[in-house]
Amino acid sequence: MASFEVFREFYFEAAHALYDPEHPTGGKYRNLHGHSFRVRVTLRGERHPEEQWVMDLGRLGRRLAELREKLDHSFLNDLEGLGKPTLENLCVYVWRDLAPFAPGLCEVGIFRDSCFEGCVYRGD
């Protein structure tokens, strides 16, 4: 049977500060600064026999809107459960938030397109 991958994306704006304890002044990113983030959530699975889709992307979109509400225009350092606000920790945070809701979750990508960088996480 064929397997499919479907995805949804959303954007959010947020600020953070990354202190580097090994740098005498705390490092280049120690001061408050912000980014535009793009999040891609990918699900893998087979088409449901009746609906003919892996998951209703509208339903997934509504759940992602709730997550976006938590992240958008936030100070990521204050986000409970995130830890140090790195791309890697953001991926894990999104994964853990969505995994109970989204069977077939196979990948979370967080991208800072203006910096030409990102991170992809494929699960615990």
PDB file of N, CA and C in Angstrom:
ATOM      1  N   MET A   1       0.832  -1.186   0.000  1.00  0.00           N
ATOM      2  CA  MET A   1       0.000   0.000   0.000  1.00  0.00           C
ATOM      3  C   MET A   1       0.882   1.257   0.000  1.00  0.00           C
ATOM      4  N   ALA A   2       0.460   2.258  -0.714  1.00  0.00           N
ATOM      5  CA  ALA A   2       1.240   3.491  -0.857  1.00  0.00           C
ATOM      6  C   ALA A   2       1.240   4.305   0.428  1.00  0.00           C
ATOM      7  N   SER A   3       2.347   4.938   0.688  1.00  0.00           N
ATOM      8  CA  SER A   3       2.478   5.839   1.829  1.00  0.00           C
ATOM      9  C   SER A   3       2.638   7.260   1.299  1.00  0.00           C
ATOM     10  N   PHE A   4       2.013   8.204   1.979  1.00  0.00           N
ATOM     11  CA  PHE A   4       2.057   9.603   1.571  1.00  0.00           C
ATOM     12  C   PHE A   4       2.665  10.443   2.678  1.00  0.00           C
ATOM     13  N   GLU A   5       3.196  11.597   2.299  1.00  0.00           N
ATOM     14  CA  GLU A   5       3.603  12.613   3.259  1.00  0.00           C
ATOM     15  C   GLU A   5       2.852  13.884   2.903  1.00  0.00           C
ATOM     16  N   VAL A   6       2.154  14.443   3.887  1.00  0.00           N
ATOM     17  CA  VAL A   6       1.447  15.703   3.721  1.00  0.00           C
ATOM     18  C   VAL A   6       1.988  16.683   4.746  1.00  0.00           C
ATOM     19  N   PHE A   7       1.905  17.968   4.440  1.00  0.00           N
ATOM     20  CA  PHE A   7       2.449  18.944   5.382  1.00  0.00           C
ATOM     21  C   PHE A   7       1.619  20.211   5.387  1.00  0.00           C
ATOM     22  N   ARG A   8       1.761  20.951   6.482  1.00  0.00           N
ATOM     23  CA  ARG A   8       1.226  22.307   6.620  1.00  0.00           C
ATOM     24  C   ARG A   8       2.338  23.165   7.176  1.00  0.00           C
ATOM     25  N   GLU A   9       2.287  24.437   6.833  1.00  0.00           N
ATOM     26  CA  GLU A   9       3.273  25.388   7.331  1.00  0.00           C
ATOM     27  C   GLU A   9       2.571  26.573   7.971  1.00  0.00           C
ATOM     28  N   PHE A  10       3.289  27.234   8.862  1.00  0.00           N
ATOM     29  CA  PHE A  10       2.828  28.512   9.393  1.00  0.00           C
ATOM     30  C   PHE A  10       4.042  29.351   9.751  1.00  0.00           C
ATOM     31  N   TYR A  11       3.815  30.630   9.875  1.00  0.00           N
ATOM     32  CA  TYR A  11       4.864  31.583  10.249  1.00  0.00           C
ATOM     33  C   TYR A  11       4.559  32.161  11.613  1.00  0.00           C
ATOM     34  N   PHE A  12       5.599  32.555  12.309  1.00  0.00           N
ATOM     35  CA  PHE A  12       5.425  33.343  13.518  1.00  0.00           C
ATOM     36  C   PHE A  12       6.643  34.234  13.703  1.00  0.00           C
ATOM     37  N   GLU A  13       6.444  35.297  14.446  1.00  0.00           N
ATOM     38  CA  GLU A  13       7.502  36.242  14.796  1.00  0.00           C
ATOM     39  C   GLU A  13       7.742  36.098  16.288  1.00  0.00           C
ATOM     40  N   ALA A  14       8.995  36.069  16.692  1.00  0.00           N
ATOM     41  CA  ALA A  14       9.286  35.939  18.121  1.00  0.00           C
ATOM     42  C   ALA A  14      10.678  36.484  18.416  1.00  0.00           C
ATOM     43  N   ALA A  15      10.884  36.774  19.693  1.00  0.00           N
ATOM     44  CA  ALA A  15      12.176  37.272  20.162  1.00  0.00           C
ATOM     45  C   ALA A  15      12.805  36.248  21.090  1.00  0.00           C
ATOM     46  N   HIS A  16      14.124  36.332  21.212  1.00  0.00           N
ATOM     47  CA  HIS A  16      14.839  35.500  22.171  1.00  0.00           C
ATOM     48  C   HIS A  16      16.211  36.117  22.428  1.00  0.00           C
ATOM     49  N   ALA A  17      16.902  35.567  23.390  1.00  0.00           N
ATOM     50  CA  ALA A  17      18.281  35.933  23.689  1.00  0.00           C
ATOM     51  C   ALA A  17      19.015  34.634  23.999  1.00  0.00           C
ATOM     52  N   LEU A  18      20.193  34.495  23.443  1.00  0.00           N
ATOM     53  CA  LEU A  18      20.978  33.271  23.631  1.00  0.00           C
ATOM     54  C   LEU A  18      22.311  33.631  24.271  1.00  0.00           C
ATOM     55  N   TYR A  19      22.434  33.342  25.523  1.00  0.00           N
ATOM     56  CA  TYR A  19      23.643  33.645  26.281  1.00  0.00           C
ATOM     57  C   TYR A  19      24.636  32.503  26.120  1.00  0.00           C
ATOM     58  N   ASP A  20      25.868  32.842  25.783  1.00  0.00           N
ATOM     59  CA  ASP A  20      26.935  31.853  25.625  1.00  0.00           C
ATOM     60  C   ASP A  20      27.862  31.950  26.839  1.00  0.00           C
ATOM     61  N   PRO A  21      27.777  30.997  27.774  1.00  0.00           N
ATOM     62  CA  PRO A  21      28.593  31.076  28.987  1.00  0.00           C
ATOM     63  C   PRO A  21      30.095  30.952  28.726  1.00  0.00           C
ATOM     64  N   GLU A  22      30.482  30.450  27.563  1.00  0.00           N
ATOM     65  CA  GLU A  22      31.900  30.292  27.251  1.00  0.00           C
ATOM     66  C   GLU A  22      32.512  31.552  26.641  1.00  0.00           C
ATOM     67  N   HIS A  23      31.695  32.539  26.343  1.00  0.00           N
ATOM     68  CA  HIS A  23      32.190  33.790  25.769  1.00  0.00           C
ATOM     69  C   HIS A  23      32.275  34.834  26.879  1.00  0.00           C
ATOM     70  N   PRO A  24      33.368  35.598  26.942  1.00  0.00           N
ATOM     71  CA  PRO A  24      33.551  36.549  28.049  1.00  0.00           C
ATOM     72  C   PRO A  24      32.421  37.575  28.194  1.00  0.00           C
ATOM     73  N   THR A  25      31.797  37.961  27.077  1.00  0.00           N
ATOM     74  CA  THR A  25      30.717  38.955  27.166  1.00  0.00           C
ATOM     75  C   THR A  25      29.331  38.331  27.002  1.00  0.00           C
ATOM     76  N   GLY A  26      29.257  37.027  26.914  1.00  0.00           N
ATOM     77  CA  GLY A  26      27.973  36.360  26.721  1.00  0.00           C
ATOM     78  C   GLY A  26      27.674  36.044  25.272  1.00  0.00           C
ATOM     79  N   GLY A  27      28.522  36.489  24.365  1.00  0.00           N
ATOM     80  CA  GLY A  27      28.372  36.128  22.961  1.00  0.00           C
ATOM     81  C   GLY A  27      27.572  37.120  22.140  1.00  0.00           C
ATOM     82  N   LYS A  28      27.632  36.927  20.866  1.00  0.00           N
ATOM     83  CA  LYS A  28      27.005  37.809  19.884  1.00  0.00           C
ATOM     84  C   LYS A  28      25.486  37.865  20.030  1.00  0.00           C
ATOM     85  N   TYR A  29      24.853  36.790  20.480  1.00  0.00           N
ATOM     86  CA  TYR A  29      23.389  36.696  20.490  1.00  0.00           C
ATOM     87  C   TYR A  29      22.790  36.895  21.877  1.00  0.00           C
ATOM     88  N   ARG A  30      23.572  37.442  22.807  1.00  0.00           N
ATOM     89  CA  ARG A  30      23.121  37.578  24.193  1.00  0.00           C
ATOM     90  C   ARG A  30      22.014  38.616  24.355  1.00  0.00           C
ATOM     91  N   ASN A  31      21.976  39.617  23.466  1.00  0.00           N
ATOM     92  CA  ASN A  31      20.964  40.660  23.569  1.00  0.00           C
ATOM     93  C   ASN A  31      19.645  40.206  22.953  1.00  0.00           C
ATOM     94  N   LEU A  32      18.591  40.780  23.436  1.00  0.00           N
ATOM     95  CA  LEU A  32      17.257  40.504  22.898  1.00  0.00           C
ATOM     96  C   LEU A  32      17.243  40.818  21.402  1.00  0.00           C
ATOM     97  N   HIS A  33      16.762  39.868  20.604  1.00  0.00           N
ATOM     98  CA  HIS A  33      16.617  40.062  19.167  1.00  0.00           C
ATOM     99  C   HIS A  33      15.516  39.147  18.664  1.00  0.00           C
ATOM    100  N   GLY A  34      15.022  39.416  17.476  1.00  0.00           N
ATOM    101  CA  GLY A  34      13.889  38.653  16.967  1.00  0.00           C
ATOM    102  C   GLY A  34      14.132  38.059  15.598  1.00  0.00           C
ATOM    103  N   HIS A  35      13.244  37.129  15.248  1.00  0.00           N
ATOM    104  CA  HIS A  35      13.303  36.445  13.959  1.00  0.00           C
ATOM    105  C   HIS A  35      11.895  36.206  13.444  1.00  0.00           C
ATOM    106  N   SER A  36      11.815  36.000  12.143  1.00  0.00           N
ATOM    107  CA  SER A  36      10.625  35.441  11.508  1.00  0.00           C
ATOM    108  C   SER A  36      10.901  33.953  11.348  1.00  0.00           C
ATOM    109  N   PHE A  37      10.014  33.136  11.871  1.00  0.00           N
ATOM    110  CA  PHE A  37      10.171  31.687  11.816  1.00  0.00           C
ATOM    111  C   PHE A  37       9.116  31.095  10.882  1.00  0.00           C
ATOM    112  N   ARG A  38       9.501  30.071  10.133  1.00  0.00           N
ATOM    113  CA  ARG A  38       8.561  29.272   9.344  1.00  0.00           C
ATOM    114  C   ARG A  38       8.604  27.859   9.893  1.00  0.00           C
ATOM    115  N   VAL A  39       7.449  27.304  10.161  1.00  0.00           N
ATOM    116  CA  VAL A  39       7.344  25.956  10.720  1.00  0.00           C
ATOM    117  C   VAL A  39       6.653  25.060   9.694  1.00  0.00           C
ATOM    118  N   ARG A  40       7.255  23.901   9.439  1.00  0.00           N
ATOM    119  CA  ARG A  40       6.629  22.892   8.567  1.00  0.00           C
ATOM    120  C   ARG A  40       6.433  21.626   9.382  1.00  0.00           C
ATOM    121  N   VAL A  41       5.194  21.147   9.386  1.00  0.00           N
ATOM    122  CA  VAL A  41       4.831  19.920  10.093  1.00  0.00           C
ATOM    123  C   VAL A  41       4.426  18.890   9.038  1.00  0.00           C
ATOM    124  N   THR A  42       5.092  17.745   9.046  1.00  0.00           N
ATOM    125  CA  THR A  42       4.857  16.709   8.041  1.00  0.00           C
ATOM    126  C   THR A  42       4.308  15.449   8.709  1.00  0.00           C
ATOM    127  N   LEU A  43       3.268  14.896   8.102  1.00  0.00           N
ATOM    128  CA  LEU A  43       2.665  13.641   8.557  1.00  0.00           C
ATOM    129  C   LEU A  43       2.863  12.594   7.468  1.00  0.00           C
ATOM    130  N   ARG A  44       3.114  11.361   7.881  1.00  0.00           N
ATOM    131  CA  ARG A  44       3.276  10.257   6.939  1.00  0.00           C
ATOM    132  C   ARG A  44       2.209   9.214   7.237  1.00  0.00           C
ATOM    133  N   GLY A  45       1.635   8.674   6.181  1.00  0.00           N
ATOM    134  CA  GLY A  45       0.658   7.610   6.385  1.00  0.00           C
ATOM    135  C   GLY A  45      -0.018   7.207   5.093  1.00  0.00           C
ATOM    136  N   GLU A  46      -0.983   6.358   5.261  1.00  0.00           N
ATOM    137  CA  GLU A  46      -1.780   5.898   4.132  1.00  0.00           C
ATOM    138  C   GLU A  46      -3.085   6.683   4.107  1.00  0.00           C
ATOM    139  N   ARG A  47      -3.722   6.725   2.955  1.00  0.00           N
ATOM    140  CA  ARG A  47      -5.007   7.394   2.849  1.00  0.00           C
ATOM    141  C   ARG A  47      -6.054   6.619   3.647  1.00  0.00           C
ATOM    142  N   HIS A  48      -6.829   7.369   4.404  1.00  0.00           N
ATOM    143  CA  HIS A  48      -7.958   6.763   5.098  1.00  0.00           C
ATOM    144  C   HIS A  48      -8.937   6.265   4.030  1.00  0.00           C
ATOM    145  N   PRO A  49      -9.471   5.045   4.190  1.00  0.00           N
ATOM    146  CA  PRO A  49     -10.303   4.459   3.129  1.00  0.00           C
ATOM    147  C   PRO A  49     -11.515   5.313   2.737  1.00  0.00           C
ATOM    148  N   GLU A  50     -12.149   5.965   3.705  1.00  0.00           N
ATOM    149  CA  GLU A  50     -13.348   6.747   3.388  1.00  0.00           C
ATOM    150  C   GLU A  50     -13.017   8.168   2.951  1.00  0.00           C
ATOM    151  N   GLU A  51     -12.189   8.861   3.698  1.00  0.00           N
ATOM    152  CA  GLU A  51     -11.897  10.263   3.394  1.00  0.00           C
ATOM    153  C   GLU A  51     -10.881  10.424   2.272  1.00  0.00           C
ATOM    154  N   GLN A  52     -10.064   9.403   2.051  1.00  0.00           N
ATOM    155  CA  GLN A  52      -9.046   9.418   1.004  1.00  0.00           C
ATOM    156  C   GLN A  52      -7.929  10.426   1.273  1.00  0.00           C
ATOM    157  N   TRP A  53      -7.663  10.684   2.536  1.00  0.00           N
ATOM    158  CA  TRP A  53      -6.539  11.533   2.907  1.00  0.00           C
ATOM    159  C   TRP A  53      -5.822  10.946   4.107  1.00  0.00           C
ATOM    160  N   VAL A  54      -4.586  11.382   4.322  1.00  0.00           N
ATOM    161  CA  VAL A  54      -3.815  10.961   5.491  1.00  0.00           C
ATOM    162  C   VAL A  54      -4.404  11.607   6.736  1.00  0.00           C
ATOM    163  N   MET A  55      -4.679  12.910   6.646  1.00  0.00           N
ATOM    164  CA  MET A  55      -5.341  13.651   7.720  1.00  0.00           C
ATOM    165  C   MET A  55      -6.003  14.859   7.092  1.00  0.00           C
ATOM    166  N   ASP A  56      -7.098  15.272   7.648  1.00  0.00           N
ATOM    167  CA  ASP A  56      -7.775  16.490   7.221  1.00  0.00           C
ATOM    168  C   ASP A  56      -6.845  17.672   7.489  1.00  0.00           C
ATOM    169  N   LEU A  57      -6.320  18.289   6.441  1.00  0.00           N
ATOM    170  CA  LEU A  57      -5.366  19.383   6.612  1.00  0.00           C
ATOM    171  C   LEU A  57      -6.028  20.625   7.205  1.00  0.00           C
ATOM    172  N   GLY A  58      -7.317  20.752   7.056  1.00  0.00           N
ATOM    173  CA  GLY A  58      -8.029  21.840   7.720  1.00  0.00           C
ATOM    174  C   GLY A  58      -8.016  21.660   9.227  1.00  0.00           C
ATOM    175  N   ARG A  59      -8.226  20.442   9.671  1.00  0.00           N
ATOM    176  CA  ARG A  59      -8.169  20.129  11.103  1.00  0.00           C
ATOM    177  C   ARG A  59      -6.762  20.376  11.643  1.00  0.00           C
ATOM    178  N   LEU A  60      -5.752  19.927  10.896  1.00  0.00           N
ATOM    179  CA  LEU A  60      -4.377  20.175  11.291  1.00  0.00           C
ATOM    180  C   LEU A  60      -4.105  21.678  11.334  1.00  0.00           C
ATOM    181  N   GLY A  61      -4.606  22.411  10.361  1.00  0.00           N
ATOM    182  CA  GLY A  61      -4.407  23.854  10.323  1.00  0.00           C
ATOM    183  C   GLY A  61      -4.997  24.554  11.536  1.00  0.00           C
ATOM    184  N   ARG A  62      -6.158  24.106  11.992  1.00  0.00           N
ATOM    185  CA  ARG A  62      -6.766  24.699  13.189  1.00  0.00           C
ATOM    186  C   ARG A  62      -5.906  24.435  14.419  1.00  0.00           C
ATOM    187  N   ARG A  63      -5.342  23.248  14.514  1.00  0.00           N
ATOM    188  CA  ARG A  63      -4.463  22.925  15.647  1.00  0.00           C
ATOM    189  C   ARG A  63      -3.175  23.743  15.578  1.00  0.00           C
ATOM    190  N   LEU A  64      -2.647  23.924  14.376  1.00  0.00           N
ATOM    191  CA  LEU A  64      -1.439  24.726  14.221  1.00  0.00           C
ATOM    192  C   LEU A  64      -1.702  26.200  14.537  1.00  0.00           C
ATOM    193  N   ALA A  65      -2.913  26.669  14.269  1.00  0.00           N
ATOM    194  CA  ALA A  65      -3.260  28.053  14.619  1.00  0.00           C
ATOM    195  C   ALA A  65      -3.209  28.254  16.130  1.00  0.00           C
ATOM    196  N   GLU A  66      -3.613  27.242  16.894  1.00  0.00           N
ATOM    197  CA  GLU A  66      -3.521  27.317  18.359  1.00  0.00           C
ATOM    198  C   GLU A  66      -2.054  27.386  18.800  1.00  0.00           C
ATOM    199  N   LEU A  67      -1.225  26.583  18.185  1.00  0.00           N
ATOM    200  CA  LEU A  67       0.202  26.589  18.510  1.00  0.00           C
ATOM    201  C   LEU A  67       0.829  27.920  18.111  1.00  0.00           C
ATOM    202  N   ARG A  68       0.471  28.415  16.955  1.00  0.00           N
ATOM    203  CA  ARG A  68       0.996  29.704  16.504  1.00  0.00           C
ATOM    204  C   ARG A  68       0.633  30.810  17.493  1.00  0.00           C
ATOM    205  N   GLU A  69      -0.567  30.751  18.018  1.00  0.00           N
ATOM    206  CA  GLU A  69      -1.009  31.757  18.994  1.00  0.00           C
ATOM    207  C   GLU A  69      -0.075  31.797  20.207  1.00  0.00           C
ATOM    208  N   LYS A  70       0.411  30.625  20.631  1.00  0.00           N
ATOM    209  CA  LYS A  70       1.351  30.555  21.760  1.00  0.00           C
ATOM    210  C   LYS A  70       2.712  31.163  21.412  1.00  0.00           C
ATOM    211  N   LEU A  71       3.142  30.975  20.167  1.00  0.00           N
ATOM    212  CA  LEU A  71       4.495  31.341  19.760  1.00  0.00           C
ATOM    213  C   LEU A  71       4.609  32.769  19.218  1.00  0.00           C
ATOM    214  N   ASP A  72       3.596  33.224  18.521  1.00  0.00           N
ATOM    215  CA  ASP A  72       3.699  34.482  17.794  1.00  0.00           C
ATOM    216  C   ASP A  72       3.833  35.679  18.728  1.00  0.00           C
ATOM    217  N   HIS A  73       4.803  36.525  18.439  1.00  0.00           N
ATOM    218  CA  HIS A  73       5.105  37.732  19.208  1.00  0.00           C
ATOM    219  C   HIS A  73       5.360  37.415  20.681  1.00  0.00           C
ATOM    220  N   SER A  74       6.038  36.317  20.910  1.00  0.00           N
ATOM    221  CA  SER A  74       6.393  35.928  22.275  1.00  0.00           C
ATOM    222  C   SER A  74       7.881  36.150  22.503  1.00  0.00           C
ATOM    223  N   PHE A  75       8.257  36.106  23.777  1.00  0.00           N
ATOM    224  CA  PHE A  75       9.669  36.065  24.163  1.00  0.00           C
ATOM    225  C   PHE A  75       9.947  34.606  24.455  1.00  0.00           C
ATOM    226  N   LEU A  76      10.623  33.927  23.551  1.00  0.00           N
ATOM    227  CA  LEU A  76      10.786  32.477  23.621  1.00  0.00           C
ATOM    228  C   LEU A  76      11.473  32.018  24.898  1.00  0.00           C
ATOM    229  N   ASN A  77      12.339  32.843  25.467  1.00  0.00           N
ATOM    230  CA  ASN A  77      13.008  32.467  26.719  1.00  0.00           C
ATOM    231  C   ASN A  77      12.012  32.220  27.841  1.00  0.00           C
ATOM    232  N   ASP A  78      10.837  32.820  27.774  1.00  0.00           N
ATOM    233  CA  ASP A  78       9.819  32.674  28.814  1.00  0.00           C
ATOM    234  C   ASP A  78       8.828  31.548  28.537  1.00  0.00           C
ATOM    235  N   LEU A  79       8.954  30.865  27.421  1.00  0.00           N
ATOM    236  CA  LEU A  79       7.996  29.829  27.045  1.00  0.00           C
ATOM    237  C   LEU A  79       8.233  28.570  27.872  1.00  0.00           C
ATOM    238  N   GLU A  80       7.270  28.227  28.694  1.00  0.00           N
ATOM    239  CA  GLU A  80       7.401  27.070  29.583  1.00  0.00           C
ATOM    240  C   GLU A  80       7.582  25.783  28.775  1.00  0.00           C
ATOM    241  N   GLY A  81       8.593  25.011  29.152  1.00  0.00           N
ATOM    242  CA  GLY A  81       8.845  23.729  28.509  1.00  0.00           C
ATOM    243  C   GLY A  81       9.780  23.788  27.312  1.00  0.00           C
ATOM    244  N   LEU A  82      10.208  24.985  26.913  1.00  0.00           N
ATOM    245  CA  LEU A  82      11.087  25.101  25.741  1.00  0.00           C
ATOM    246  C   LEU A  82      12.555  24.922  26.107  1.00  0.00           C
ATOM    247  N   GLY A  83      12.970  25.488  27.211  1.00  0.00           N
ATOM    248  CA  GLY A  83      14.397  25.488  27.538  1.00  0.00           C
ATOM    249  C   GLY A  83      15.092  26.592  26.769  1.00  0.00           C
ATOM    250  N   LYS A  84      16.377  26.419  26.511  1.00  0.00           N
ATOM    251  CA  LYS A  84      17.124  27.419  25.739  1.00  0.00           C
ATOM    252  C   LYS A  84      16.492  27.520  24.347  1.00  0.00           C
ATOM    253  N   PRO A  85      16.146  28.732  23.896  1.00  0.00           N
ATOM    254  CA  PRO A  85      15.350  28.876  22.669  1.00  0.00           C
ATOM    255  C   PRO A  85      16.162  28.731  21.377  1.00  0.00           C
ATOM    256  N   THR A  86      16.690  27.541  21.168  1.00  0.00           N
ATOM    257  CA  THR A  86      17.418  27.222  19.945  1.00  0.00           C
ATOM    258  C   THR A  86      16.456  26.632  18.916  1.00  0.00           C
ATOM    259  N   LEU A  87      16.893  26.570  17.668  1.00  0.00           N
ATOM    260  CA  LEU A  87      16.079  25.925  16.636  1.00  0.00           C
ATOM    261  C   LEU A  87      15.787  24.473  17.008  1.00  0.00           C
ATOM    262  N   GLU A  88      16.796  23.792  17.547  1.00  0.00           N
ATOM    263  CA  GLU A  88      16.626  22.383  17.917  1.00  0.00           C
ATOM    264  C   GLU A  88      15.547  22.229  18.983  1.00  0.00           C
ATOM    265  N   ASN A  89      15.604  23.066  20.012  1.00  0.00           N
ATOM    266  CA  ASN A  89      14.604  22.967  21.081  1.00  0.00           C
ATOM    267  C   ASN A  89      13.224  23.387  20.609  1.00  0.00           C
ATOM    268  N   LEU A  90      13.146  24.331  19.685  1.00  0.00           N
ATOM    269  CA  LEU A  90      11.844  24.693  19.111  1.00  0.00           C
ATOM    270  C   LEU A  90      11.234  23.510  18.359  1.00  0.00           C
ATOM    271  N   CYS A  91      12.049  22.786  17.606  1.00  0.00           N
ATOM    272  CA  CYS A  91      11.545  21.603  16.893  1.00  0.00           C
ATOM    273  C   CYS A  91      10.969  20.581  17.870  1.00  0.00           C
ATOM    274  N   VAL A  92      11.707  20.299  18.943  1.00  0.00           N
ATOM    275  CA  VAL A  92      11.241  19.323  19.935  1.00  0.00           C
ATOM    276  C   VAL A  92       9.966  19.834  20.614  1.00  0.00           C
ATOM    277  N   TYR A  93       9.911  21.121  20.916  1.00  0.00           N
ATOM    278  CA  TYR A  93       8.727  21.714  21.556  1.00  0.00           C
ATOM    279  C   TYR A  93       7.490  21.531  20.673  1.00  0.00           C
ATOM    280  N   VAL A  94       7.616  21.835  19.392  1.00  0.00           N
ATOM    281  CA  VAL A  94       6.492  21.679  18.460  1.00  0.00           C
ATOM    282  C   VAL A  94       6.113  20.206  18.346  1.00  0.00           C
ATOM    283  N   TRP A  95       7.109  19.333  18.230  1.00  0.00           N
ATOM    284  CA  TRP A  95       6.846  17.891  18.127  1.00  0.00           C
ATOM    285  C   TRP A  95       6.031  17.403  19.327  1.00  0.00           C
ATOM    286  N   ARG A  96       6.495  17.727  20.516  1.00  0.00           N
ATOM    287  CA  ARG A  96       5.816  17.242  21.726  1.00  0.00           C
ATOM    288  C   ARG A  96       4.414  17.816  21.861  1.00  0.00           C
ATOM    289  N   ASP A  97       4.222  19.033  21.386  1.00  0.00           N
ATOM    290  CA  ASP A  97       2.898  19.637  21.429  1.00  0.00           C
ATOM    291  C   ASP A  97       1.935  18.934  20.469  1.00  0.00           C
ATOM    292  N   LEU A  98       2.420  18.551  19.294  1.00  0.00           N
ATOM    293  CA  LEU A  98       1.555  17.998  18.255  1.00  0.00           C
ATOM    294  C   LEU A  98       1.431  16.476  18.257  1.00  0.00           C
ATOM    295  N   ALA A  99       2.415  15.776  18.776  1.00  0.00           N
ATOM    296  CA  ALA A  99       2.429  14.308  18.668  1.00  0.00           C
ATOM    297  C   ALA A  99       1.145  13.637  19.164  1.00  0.00           C
ATOM    298  N   PRO A 100       0.574  14.050  20.308  1.00  0.00           N
ATOM    299  CA  PRO A 100      -0.662  13.383  20.741  1.00  0.00           C
ATOM    300  C   PRO A 100      -1.843  13.633  19.802  1.00  0.00           C
ATOM    301  N   PHE A 101      -1.801  14.732  19.076  1.00  0.00           N
ATOM    302  CA  PHE A 101      -2.898  15.123  18.191  1.00  0.00           C
ATOM    303  C   PHE A 101      -2.750  14.562  16.783  1.00  0.00           C
ATOM    304  N   ALA A 102      -1.530  14.374  16.336  1.00  0.00           N
ATOM    305  CA  ALA A 102      -1.260  14.098  14.927  1.00  0.00           C
ATOM    306  C   ALA A 102      -0.596  12.752  14.723  1.00  0.00           C
ATOM    307  N   PRO A 103      -1.386  11.671  14.654  1.00  0.00           N
ATOM    308  CA  PRO A 103      -0.772  10.377  14.347  1.00  0.00           C
ATOM    309  C   PRO A 103      -0.087  10.456  12.984  1.00  0.00           C
ATOM    310  N   GLY A 104       1.047   9.838  12.878  1.00  0.00           N
ATOM    311  CA  GLY A 104       1.796   9.892  11.629  1.00  0.00           C
ATOM    312  C   GLY A 104       2.766  11.054  11.559  1.00  0.00           C
ATOM    313  N   LEU A 105       2.852  11.841  12.640  1.00  0.00           N
ATOM    314  CA  LEU A 105       3.819  12.938  12.655  1.00  0.00           C
ATOM    315  C   LEU A 105       5.207  12.357  12.397  1.00  0.00           C
ATOM    316  N   CYS A 106       5.874  12.847  11.361  1.00  0.00           N
ATOM    317  CA  CYS A 106       7.181  12.267  11.030  1.00  0.00           C
ATOM    318  C   CYS A 106       8.287  13.310  10.966  1.00  0.00           C
ATOM    319  N   GLU A 107       7.922  14.597  10.905  1.00  0.00           N
ATOM    320  CA  GLU A 107       8.979  15.596  10.781  1.00  0.00           C
ATOM    321  C   GLU A 107       8.452  16.975  11.163  1.00  0.00           C
ATOM    322  N   VAL A 108       9.275  17.709  11.897  1.00  0.00           N
ATOM    323  CA  VAL A 108       9.024  19.110  12.197  1.00  0.00           C
ATOM    324  C   VAL A 108      10.245  19.887  11.738  1.00  0.00           C
ATOM    325  N   GLY A 109      10.024  20.886  10.917  1.00  0.00           N
ATOM    326  CA  GLY A 109      11.104  21.762  10.470  1.00  0.00           C
ATOM    327  C   GLY A 109      10.832  23.176  10.936  1.00  0.00           C
ATOM    328  N   ILE A 110      11.865  23.831  11.444  1.00  0.00           N
ATOM    329  CA  ILE A 110      11.782  25.241  11.833  1.00  0.00           C
ATOM    330  C   ILE A 110      12.852  25.968  11.021  1.00  0.00           C
ATOM    331  N   PHE A 111      12.429  27.009  10.309  1.00  0.00           N
ATOM    332  CA  PHE A 111      13.328  27.700   9.397  1.00  0.00           C
ATOM    333  C   PHE A 111      13.333  29.200   9.675  1.00  0.00           C
ATOM    334  N   ARG A 112      14.504  29.782   9.611  1.00  0.00           N
ATOM    335  CA  ARG A 112      14.662  31.237   9.640  1.00  0.00           C
ATOM    336  C   ARG A 112      15.157  31.607   8.245  1.00  0.00           C
ATOM    337  N   ASP A 113      14.192  31.781   7.356  1.00  0.00           N
ATOM    338  CA  ASP A 113      14.512  31.972   5.939  1.00  0.00           C
ATOM    339  C   ASP A 113      15.411  33.177   5.701  1.00  0.00           C
ATOM    340  N   SER A 114      15.217  34.258   6.444  1.00  0.00           N
ATOM    341  CA  SER A 114      16.032  35.451   6.218  1.00  0.00           C
ATOM    342  C   SER A 114      17.494  35.221   6.607  1.00  0.00           C
ATOM    343  N   CYS A 115      17.743  34.226   7.437  1.00  0.00           N
ATOM    344  CA  CYS A 115      19.116  33.872   7.844  1.00  0.00           C
ATOM    345  C   CYS A 115      19.659  32.692   7.042  1.00  0.00           C
ATOM    346  N   PHE A 116      18.819  32.111   6.179  1.00  0.00           N
ATOM    347  CA  PHE A 116      19.196  30.936   5.380  1.00  0.00           C
ATOM    348  C   PHE A 116      19.603  29.765   6.263  1.00  0.00           C
ATOM    349  N   GLU A 117      18.791  29.536   7.329  1.00  0.00           N
ATOM    350  CA  GLU A 117      19.110  28.436   8.238  1.00  0.00           C
ATOM    351  C   GLU A 117      17.836  27.814   8.777  1.00  0.00           C
ATOM    352  N   GLY A 118      17.993  26.631   9.320  1.00  0.00           N
ATOM    353  CA  GLY A 118      16.850  25.933   9.892  1.00  0.00           C
ATOM    354  C   GLY A 118      17.282  24.644  10.534  1.00  0.00           C
ATOM    355  N   CYS A 119      16.287  23.919  11.015  1.00  0.00           N
ATOM    356  CA  CYS A 119      16.522  22.648  11.698  1.00  0.00           C
ATOM    357  C   CYS A 119      15.348  21.731  11.390  1.00  0.00           C
ATOM    358  N   VAL A 120      15.629  20.454  11.183  1.00  0.00           N
ATOM    359  CA  VAL A 120      14.599  19.450  10.963  1.00  0.00           C
ATOM    360  C   VAL A 120      14.747  18.376  12.032  1.00  0.00           C
ATOM    361  N   TYR A 121      13.609  18.012  12.631  1.00  0.00           N
ATOM    362  CA  TYR A 121      13.577  17.003  13.685  1.00  0.00           C
ATOM    363  C   TYR A 121      12.646  15.885  13.263  1.00  0.00           C
ATOM    364  N   ARG A 122      13.078  14.651  13.460  1.00  0.00           N
ATOM    365  CA  ARG A 122      12.289  13.492  13.034  1.00  0.00           C
ATOM    366  C   ARG A 122      11.862  12.603  14.193  1.00  0.00           C
ATOM    367  N   GLY A 123      11.731  13.155  15.370  1.00  0.00           N
ATOM    368  CA  GLY A 123      11.097  12.424  16.456  1.00  0.00           C
ATOM    369  C   GLY A 123      11.994  11.893  17.531  1.00  0.00           C
ATOM    370  N   ASP A 124      11.334  11.546  18.642  1.00  0.00           N
ATOM    371  CA  ASP A 124      12.014  11.041  19.826  1.00  0.00           C
ATOM    372  C   ASP A 124      12.527   9.628  19.604  1.00  0.00           C
TER     373      ASP A 124
END
